N, C-alpha and C. Protein backbone atom coordinates (compact mmCIF):
# COMPACT_ATOMS: atom_id res chain seq x y z
N MET A 1 1.27 -1.32 -0.09
CA MET A 1 0.17 -0.07 0.03
C MET A 1 0.87 1.34 -0.11
N ILE A 2 2.02 1.19 1.07
CA ILE A 2 2.67 2.52 0.96
C ILE A 2 3.40 2.74 -0.70
N LYS A 3 3.60 1.29 -1.36
CA LYS A 3 4.51 1.64 -2.42
C LYS A 3 3.24 2.30 -3.87
N LEU A 4 2.23 1.81 -3.27
CA LEU A 4 1.48 2.27 -4.52
C LEU A 4 0.93 4.13 -4.10
N ALA A 5 1.09 4.34 -2.47
CA ALA A 5 1.05 5.61 -2.73
C ALA A 5 2.25 6.40 -2.74
N GLU A 6 3.28 5.82 -2.56
CA GLU A 6 4.57 6.75 -2.88
C GLU A 6 4.57 7.00 -4.36
N ARG A 7 4.31 6.00 -5.29
CA ARG A 7 4.18 5.70 -7.14
C ARG A 7 2.88 6.94 -7.38
N ILE A 8 1.89 6.83 -6.79
CA ILE A 8 1.02 8.25 -7.02
C ILE A 8 1.64 9.57 -6.75
N CYS A 9 2.53 9.53 -5.59
CA CYS A 9 3.10 10.91 -5.24
C CYS A 9 4.26 11.44 -5.60
N LEU A 10 4.75 10.13 -6.51
CA LEU A 10 6.16 10.24 -7.49
C LEU A 10 5.26 10.88 -8.95
N LEU A 11 4.39 10.29 -9.14
CA LEU A 11 3.61 10.86 -10.51
C LEU A 11 3.25 12.12 -10.49
N GLY A 12 2.60 12.59 -9.28
CA GLY A 12 1.94 13.82 -8.82
C GLY A 12 3.38 14.94 -8.80
N LEU A 13 4.18 14.47 -8.30
CA LEU A 13 5.42 15.37 -8.46
C LEU A 13 5.78 15.47 -9.55
N VAL A 14 6.66 14.46 -10.47
CA VAL A 14 6.56 14.67 -12.02
C VAL A 14 5.90 15.72 -12.56
N ALA A 15 4.70 15.32 -12.43
CA ALA A 15 3.41 16.27 -13.35
C ALA A 15 3.32 17.70 -12.85
N SER A 16 3.64 17.61 -11.68
CA SER A 16 3.54 19.38 -11.24
C SER A 16 4.72 19.89 -11.43
N VAL A 17 5.82 19.30 -11.56
CA VAL A 17 7.27 19.81 -11.90
C VAL A 17 7.03 20.21 -13.04
N ALA A 18 6.63 19.33 -14.10
CA ALA A 18 6.51 19.68 -15.45
C ALA A 18 5.55 20.66 -15.72
N VAL A 19 4.64 20.66 -15.42
CA VAL A 19 3.60 21.93 -15.70
C VAL A 19 4.17 23.29 -15.10
N LEU A 20 4.80 23.02 -14.06
CA LEU A 20 5.46 24.48 -13.22
C LEU A 20 6.80 24.99 -14.23
N THR A 21 7.37 23.94 -14.51
CA THR A 21 8.33 24.43 -15.55
C THR A 21 7.89 25.29 -16.75
N LEU A 22 7.04 24.54 -17.43
CA LEU A 22 6.47 24.64 -18.51
C LEU A 22 5.86 26.47 -18.34
N THR A 23 5.48 26.58 -17.48
CA THR A 23 4.44 27.45 -17.29
C THR A 23 5.65 28.80 -16.49
N ALA A 24 6.56 28.48 -16.19
CA ALA A 24 7.43 29.49 -15.59
C ALA A 24 8.68 29.81 -16.64
N LEU A 25 8.69 29.19 -18.08
CA LEU A 25 9.84 29.38 -19.01
C LEU A 25 9.83 30.52 -19.76
N PRO A 26 8.46 31.49 -19.82
CA PRO A 26 8.68 32.72 -20.20
C PRO A 26 9.32 33.62 -19.49
N VAL A 27 9.83 33.25 -18.05
CA VAL A 27 10.50 34.17 -17.10
C VAL A 27 11.89 34.11 -17.80
N LEU A 28 12.42 32.82 -18.45
CA LEU A 28 13.87 32.76 -18.65
C LEU A 28 14.25 34.20 -19.89
N TRP A 29 13.02 34.65 -20.23
CA TRP A 29 13.43 35.56 -21.55
C TRP A 29 12.60 37.01 -20.92
N GLY A 30 12.94 37.14 -19.87
CA GLY A 30 12.13 38.52 -19.38
C GLY A 30 10.82 38.70 -18.96
N SER A 31 9.81 37.97 -19.13
CA SER A 31 8.64 38.13 -19.17
C SER A 31 8.18 37.84 -17.97
N HIS A 32 6.79 37.77 -17.45
CA HIS A 32 6.18 37.91 -16.03
C HIS A 32 5.08 36.56 -16.17
N LEU A 33 4.80 36.24 -15.13
CA LEU A 33 3.82 35.28 -14.86
C LEU A 33 2.54 35.92 -15.02
N MET A 34 1.72 36.07 -15.98
CA MET A 34 0.08 36.75 -15.55
C MET A 34 -1.05 35.94 -16.47
N GLY A 35 -1.72 36.27 -16.19
CA GLY A 35 -3.39 35.68 -16.45
C GLY A 35 -3.26 34.35 -16.49
N ASN A 36 -3.61 33.58 -17.32
CA ASN A 36 -3.85 32.23 -17.38
C ASN A 36 -2.62 31.31 -17.18
N THR A 37 -1.78 31.66 -17.38
CA THR A 37 -0.22 31.27 -17.44
C THR A 37 -0.05 30.89 -15.80
N LEU A 38 -0.10 32.40 -15.14
CA LEU A 38 -0.06 32.15 -13.68
C LEU A 38 -1.15 31.55 -12.82
N LEU A 39 -2.06 31.38 -13.18
CA LEU A 39 -3.20 30.58 -13.01
C LEU A 39 -3.25 29.15 -12.99
N VAL A 40 -2.67 28.31 -14.29
CA VAL A 40 -2.33 26.94 -14.21
C VAL A 40 -0.89 26.91 -13.51
N HIS A 41 -0.04 28.07 -13.08
CA HIS A 41 1.23 28.02 -12.21
C HIS A 41 1.01 27.78 -10.81
N MET A 42 -0.26 28.25 -10.51
CA MET A 42 -0.65 28.21 -9.30
C MET A 42 -1.26 26.90 -8.51
N MET A 43 -2.53 26.51 -9.51
CA MET A 43 -2.76 25.04 -9.64
C MET A 43 -1.88 24.22 -9.57
N ALA A 44 -0.56 24.14 -10.06
CA ALA A 44 0.38 22.82 -9.89
C ALA A 44 0.86 23.13 -8.81
N SER A 45 1.22 24.41 -8.22
CA SER A 45 1.74 24.36 -7.17
C SER A 45 1.16 24.01 -5.58
N GLY A 46 -0.24 24.15 -6.06
CA GLY A 46 -0.99 23.48 -4.64
C GLY A 46 -0.42 21.77 -4.75
N VAL A 47 -0.77 21.40 -5.91
CA VAL A 47 -0.20 19.61 -5.74
C VAL A 47 1.21 19.40 -5.60
N LEU A 48 2.03 20.51 -5.89
CA LEU A 48 3.26 20.29 -5.52
C LEU A 48 3.73 20.45 -3.87
N VAL A 49 2.77 21.19 -3.16
CA VAL A 49 2.72 21.32 -1.84
C VAL A 49 2.27 20.23 -1.29
N PHE A 50 1.23 19.77 -1.34
CA PHE A 50 0.52 18.82 -0.76
C PHE A 50 1.52 17.34 -1.28
N VAL A 51 1.94 17.20 -2.65
CA VAL A 51 2.85 15.82 -2.76
C VAL A 51 4.09 15.92 -2.17
N LEU A 52 4.67 17.20 -2.23
CA LEU A 52 6.19 16.92 -1.86
C LEU A 52 6.50 16.39 -0.38
N PRO A 53 5.78 17.13 0.59
CA PRO A 53 5.99 16.33 2.27
C PRO A 53 5.48 15.27 2.33
N ALA A 54 4.35 14.52 1.31
CA ALA A 54 3.84 13.08 1.61
C ALA A 54 4.63 12.42 0.89
N LEU A 55 5.24 12.47 -0.24
CA LEU A 55 6.29 11.77 -0.99
C LEU A 55 7.92 11.58 0.26
N ALA A 56 7.65 12.51 0.62
CA ALA A 56 8.89 12.81 1.56
C ALA A 56 8.82 11.69 2.97
N VAL A 57 7.99 11.82 3.38
CA VAL A 57 7.56 10.76 4.61
C VAL A 57 7.27 9.51 3.94
N LEU A 58 6.95 9.28 3.01
CA LEU A 58 6.52 7.93 2.49
C LEU A 58 7.92 7.57 1.92
N TRP A 59 9.07 8.19 1.68
CA TRP A 59 10.04 7.65 1.15
C TRP A 59 10.93 7.69 2.55
N LEU A 60 10.93 8.31 3.20
CA LEU A 60 11.79 8.20 4.76
C LEU A 60 10.90 6.79 5.38
N MET A 61 9.73 6.77 5.51
CA MET A 61 9.26 5.41 6.27
C MET A 61 9.79 4.15 5.37
N ARG A 62 9.83 4.31 4.13
CA ARG A 62 10.29 2.77 3.47
C ARG A 62 11.52 2.82 3.68
N THR A 63 12.30 3.64 3.81
CA THR A 63 13.90 3.63 4.03
C THR A 63 13.98 3.18 5.27
N PHE A 64 13.62 4.10 6.48
CA PHE A 64 14.00 3.61 7.62
C PHE A 64 13.37 2.93 8.22
N CYS A 65 11.72 2.96 8.31
CA CYS A 65 11.03 2.24 9.51
C CYS A 65 10.11 1.16 8.77
N ILE A 66 10.10 0.69 7.46
CA ILE A 66 9.23 -0.49 7.06
C ILE A 66 10.23 -1.54 7.32
N GLY A 67 11.54 -1.78 7.24
CA GLY A 67 12.16 -2.93 7.05
C GLY A 67 13.20 -2.97 6.11
N GLU A 68 13.26 -1.96 4.94
CA GLU A 68 14.14 -2.18 4.24
C GLU A 68 15.79 -1.63 4.51
N ALA A 69 16.43 -2.54 4.07
CA ALA A 69 17.85 -2.20 4.74
C ALA A 69 18.13 -0.64 4.51
N VAL A 70 18.85 0.12 5.35
CA VAL A 70 19.55 1.31 5.02
C VAL A 70 20.54 1.48 3.93
N GLY A 71 20.17 2.08 2.72
CA GLY A 71 21.09 1.91 1.84
C GLY A 71 20.66 1.23 0.51
N SER A 72 19.37 0.72 0.75
CA SER A 72 18.76 0.40 0.02
C SER A 72 18.25 0.97 -1.25
N ALA A 73 18.24 2.08 -0.91
CA ALA A 73 17.98 2.98 -2.39
C ALA A 73 19.61 3.45 -3.18
N SER A 74 19.40 3.72 -4.32
CA SER A 74 20.92 3.62 -4.95
C SER A 74 21.69 4.97 -4.50
N GLN A 75 22.40 5.01 -4.48
CA GLN A 75 23.02 6.48 -4.21
C GLN A 75 22.61 7.93 -5.35
N LEU A 76 22.60 7.61 -6.47
CA LEU A 76 21.38 8.19 -7.08
C LEU A 76 20.40 8.78 -6.51
N GLU A 77 19.69 7.65 -5.96
CA GLU A 77 18.36 7.89 -6.01
C GLU A 77 18.28 9.02 -4.58
N ASN A 78 19.19 8.68 -3.36
CA ASN A 78 19.33 9.29 -2.27
C ASN A 78 19.69 10.92 -2.64
N ILE A 79 20.93 11.21 -3.70
CA ILE A 79 21.05 12.40 -3.90
C ILE A 79 19.85 13.06 -4.54
N GLY A 80 19.21 12.53 -5.45
CA GLY A 80 17.92 13.17 -6.30
C GLY A 80 16.92 13.23 -4.90
N PHE A 81 16.60 12.47 -4.13
CA PHE A 81 15.48 12.73 -3.06
C PHE A 81 15.97 13.79 -2.54
N TRP A 82 16.85 13.78 -1.83
CA TRP A 82 17.30 15.15 -0.97
C TRP A 82 17.31 16.49 -1.86
N ALA A 83 18.07 16.53 -3.01
CA ALA A 83 18.30 17.61 -3.88
C ALA A 83 16.77 18.17 -3.99
N THR A 84 15.61 17.03 -4.20
CA THR A 84 14.23 17.13 -4.51
C THR A 84 13.73 17.94 -3.59
N VAL A 85 14.07 17.63 -2.27
CA VAL A 85 13.18 17.77 -1.11
C VAL A 85 13.74 19.57 -0.70
N VAL A 86 15.17 19.69 -0.85
CA VAL A 86 15.80 20.76 -0.30
C VAL A 86 15.14 21.92 -1.44
N THR A 87 15.44 21.92 -2.58
CA THR A 87 15.09 22.72 -3.82
C THR A 87 13.12 23.13 -3.74
N GLY A 88 12.81 21.74 -3.51
CA GLY A 88 11.20 22.28 -3.44
C GLY A 88 10.90 22.86 -2.29
N LEU A 89 11.32 22.47 -1.24
CA LEU A 89 10.82 23.14 -0.04
C LEU A 89 11.36 24.61 0.11
N LEU A 90 12.75 25.04 -0.34
CA LEU A 90 13.02 26.12 -0.58
C LEU A 90 12.19 27.07 -1.69
N ALA A 91 11.58 26.52 -2.44
CA ALA A 91 10.97 27.31 -3.41
C ALA A 91 9.66 27.56 -2.77
N ILE A 92 9.02 26.47 -2.24
CA ILE A 92 7.48 26.81 -1.43
C ILE A 92 8.06 28.02 -0.38
N VAL A 93 9.03 27.89 0.76
CA VAL A 93 9.03 28.63 1.57
C VAL A 93 9.40 30.14 1.35
N THR A 94 10.18 30.43 -0.08
CA THR A 94 10.50 31.58 -0.19
C THR A 94 8.65 32.16 -0.92
N VAL A 95 8.18 31.75 -1.38
CA VAL A 95 6.74 32.20 -1.82
C VAL A 95 5.75 32.29 -0.45
N PHE A 96 5.78 31.25 0.42
CA PHE A 96 5.11 31.82 1.60
C PHE A 96 5.87 33.27 2.36
N VAL A 97 7.32 33.74 2.62
CA VAL A 97 7.59 34.27 3.09
C VAL A 97 7.14 35.47 2.21
N CYS A 98 6.92 35.48 0.93
CA CYS A 98 6.31 36.71 0.38
C CYS A 98 4.75 36.90 0.74
N MET A 99 4.41 36.52 0.96
CA MET A 99 2.92 36.42 1.53
C MET A 99 2.89 37.05 2.82
N LEU A 100 3.61 37.10 3.66
CA LEU A 100 3.68 37.43 5.05
C LEU A 100 3.83 38.91 4.80
N PRO A 101 3.20 39.75 5.64
CA PRO A 101 3.59 41.27 5.83
C PRO A 101 4.74 41.76 6.45
N VAL A 102 5.97 41.09 6.39
CA VAL A 102 7.15 41.03 7.13
C VAL A 102 8.39 41.31 5.80
N ALA A 103 8.32 41.18 4.66
CA ALA A 103 9.12 41.39 3.72
C ALA A 103 8.98 42.55 3.10
N SER A 104 10.06 43.51 2.66
CA SER A 104 9.82 44.65 2.38
C SER A 104 9.91 44.42 0.59
N THR A 105 9.66 45.45 -0.31
CA THR A 105 9.61 45.14 -1.73
C THR A 105 10.88 44.67 -2.11
N GLU A 106 12.15 45.29 -1.78
CA GLU A 106 13.45 44.83 -2.40
C GLU A 106 13.42 43.16 -1.88
N SER A 107 12.96 42.99 -0.41
CA SER A 107 12.90 41.63 -0.05
C SER A 107 12.52 40.61 -0.82
N MET A 108 10.85 41.24 -0.86
CA MET A 108 10.15 40.31 -1.90
C MET A 108 10.62 40.09 -3.64
N HIS A 109 11.18 41.18 -4.08
CA HIS A 109 11.97 40.78 -5.27
C HIS A 109 13.24 39.58 -5.39
N LEU A 110 14.19 39.97 -3.85
CA LEU A 110 14.90 38.74 -3.80
C LEU A 110 14.52 37.30 -3.51
N LEU A 111 13.33 37.41 -2.85
CA LEU A 111 12.46 36.00 -2.76
C LEU A 111 11.93 35.28 -3.63
N VAL A 112 11.80 35.93 -4.88
CA VAL A 112 10.86 35.65 -6.24
C VAL A 112 11.95 35.23 -6.82
N SER A 113 13.31 36.05 -6.82
CA SER A 113 14.50 35.56 -7.79
C SER A 113 14.86 33.94 -7.13
N ILE A 114 15.04 34.09 -5.86
CA ILE A 114 14.99 32.82 -5.17
C ILE A 114 14.54 31.80 -5.23
N HIS A 115 13.11 31.99 -5.57
CA HIS A 115 11.92 31.23 -6.16
C HIS A 115 12.12 30.50 -7.22
N ALA A 116 12.63 31.27 -8.31
CA ALA A 116 12.53 30.68 -9.49
C ALA A 116 14.18 29.82 -9.62
N TYR A 117 15.01 30.50 -9.16
CA TYR A 117 16.22 29.25 -9.13
C TYR A 117 16.12 28.14 -8.44
N ALA A 118 15.52 28.13 -7.22
CA ALA A 118 15.06 27.07 -6.82
C ALA A 118 14.02 26.25 -7.29
N GLY A 119 13.24 26.78 -8.18
CA GLY A 119 12.01 25.92 -9.17
C GLY A 119 12.89 25.42 -10.16
N PHE A 120 13.86 26.22 -10.85
CA PHE A 120 14.62 25.66 -12.12
C PHE A 120 15.64 24.51 -11.91
N ALA A 121 15.84 24.88 -10.39
CA ALA A 121 16.88 23.73 -9.98
C ALA A 121 16.15 22.43 -9.17
N MET A 122 15.26 22.65 -9.63
CA MET A 122 14.41 21.44 -9.18
C MET A 122 14.16 20.74 -10.25
N VAL A 123 14.28 21.15 -11.56
CA VAL A 123 13.72 20.03 -12.50
C VAL A 123 15.09 18.76 -12.66
N PRO A 124 16.10 19.11 -12.55
CA PRO A 124 17.45 18.49 -12.45
C PRO A 124 17.16 17.45 -11.23
N ALA A 125 16.72 17.93 -10.15
CA ALA A 125 17.09 17.11 -8.95
C ALA A 125 15.66 16.08 -9.39
N VAL A 126 14.69 16.59 -9.60
CA VAL A 126 13.62 15.42 -9.89
C VAL A 126 14.05 14.14 -11.01
N LEU A 127 14.86 15.16 -11.98
CA LEU A 127 15.01 13.98 -13.27
C LEU A 127 15.96 12.72 -12.29
N LEU A 128 16.90 13.17 -11.60
CA LEU A 128 18.00 12.39 -10.79
C LEU A 128 17.38 11.48 -10.22
N PHE A 129 16.18 11.96 -9.36
CA PHE A 129 15.63 11.15 -8.37
C PHE A 129 14.62 9.90 -9.02
N ILE A 130 14.19 10.54 -10.37
CA ILE A 130 13.50 9.21 -11.10
C ILE A 130 14.06 8.57 -11.71
N PHE A 131 15.53 8.80 -12.01
CA PHE A 131 16.53 7.92 -13.08
C PHE A 131 17.03 7.13 -11.93
N GLY A 132 17.63 7.43 -10.48
CA GLY A 132 18.06 6.61 -9.71
C GLY A 132 17.30 5.44 -9.27
N ALA A 133 15.57 6.03 -9.29
CA ALA A 133 14.40 5.06 -8.67
C ALA A 133 14.72 4.07 -9.61
N ILE A 134 14.37 4.59 -10.99
CA ILE A 134 13.98 3.44 -12.15
C ILE A 134 15.39 2.43 -12.14
N ARG A 135 16.40 2.93 -12.08
CA ARG A 135 17.81 2.54 -12.24
C ARG A 135 17.75 1.10 -11.30
N LEU A 136 17.64 1.54 -9.77
CA LEU A 136 17.64 0.65 -8.52
C LEU A 136 16.54 -0.33 -9.31
N ARG A 137 15.64 -0.24 -9.36
CA ARG A 137 14.26 -1.25 -9.61
C ARG A 137 14.46 -2.21 -10.54
N ARG A 138 15.21 -1.39 -11.67
CA ARG A 138 15.61 -2.48 -12.91
C ARG A 138 16.79 -3.44 -12.44
N THR A 139 17.77 -2.82 -11.63
CA THR A 139 18.57 -3.57 -10.88
C THR A 139 18.25 -4.63 -10.58
N LYS A 140 17.50 -4.33 -9.37
CA LYS A 140 16.86 -5.10 -8.40
C LYS A 140 15.90 -6.28 -9.33
N SER A 141 15.37 -6.07 -10.20
CA SER A 141 14.43 -7.21 -10.84
C SER A 141 15.24 -7.72 -11.79
N MET A 142 16.67 -7.33 -12.07
CA MET A 142 17.27 -8.49 -13.19
C MET A 142 18.08 -9.56 -12.17
N ARG A 143 18.14 -9.01 -10.67
CA ARG A 143 18.87 -9.85 -9.98
C ARG A 143 18.21 -10.72 -9.30
N SER A 144 16.49 -10.66 -9.48
CA SER A 144 16.08 -11.41 -9.03
C SER A 144 15.36 -12.59 -9.83
N THR A 145 15.40 -12.32 -11.13
CA THR A 145 15.24 -13.41 -12.29
C THR A 145 16.40 -14.13 -12.48
N THR A 146 17.87 -13.74 -12.44
CA THR A 146 19.05 -14.20 -12.95
C THR A 146 18.97 -15.42 -11.90
N PRO A 147 19.30 -16.91 -12.54
CA PRO A 147 19.55 -18.16 -11.61
C PRO A 147 21.11 -17.79 -11.03
N GLY A 148 21.00 -18.90 -9.91
CA GLY A 148 22.35 -19.30 -9.43
C GLY A 148 22.39 -18.07 -8.33
């Protein structure tokens, strides 16, 4: 059951990061998020805010509590997981702080820039996490079917 929930969260993570990246691409050319693009970006961010902590808890439960040996995840998967969590939480926290009435205008511009860098850095982190997870699963499945 946990593996199914983890896979659903992983699918939600990949889908939301893909949508968030596609809607944020105009920022790379000096444009701003507005209109329907901003609306889609905000909807996808809601998925990410829900799925990222859920995936983190499920992955840590599987790794440390369920009985799988520590180190059962590949090195690539571990690095990708932690990079995804750090960049994702940084992107979430920077926008959250922008919504509070404590940041000045200059601070908000800085926080939005950090948000953009963290968001774009999340793309290779998620790819590394997915690639590490797929590679580990294929290695395990090949070992279990090999005679001897």
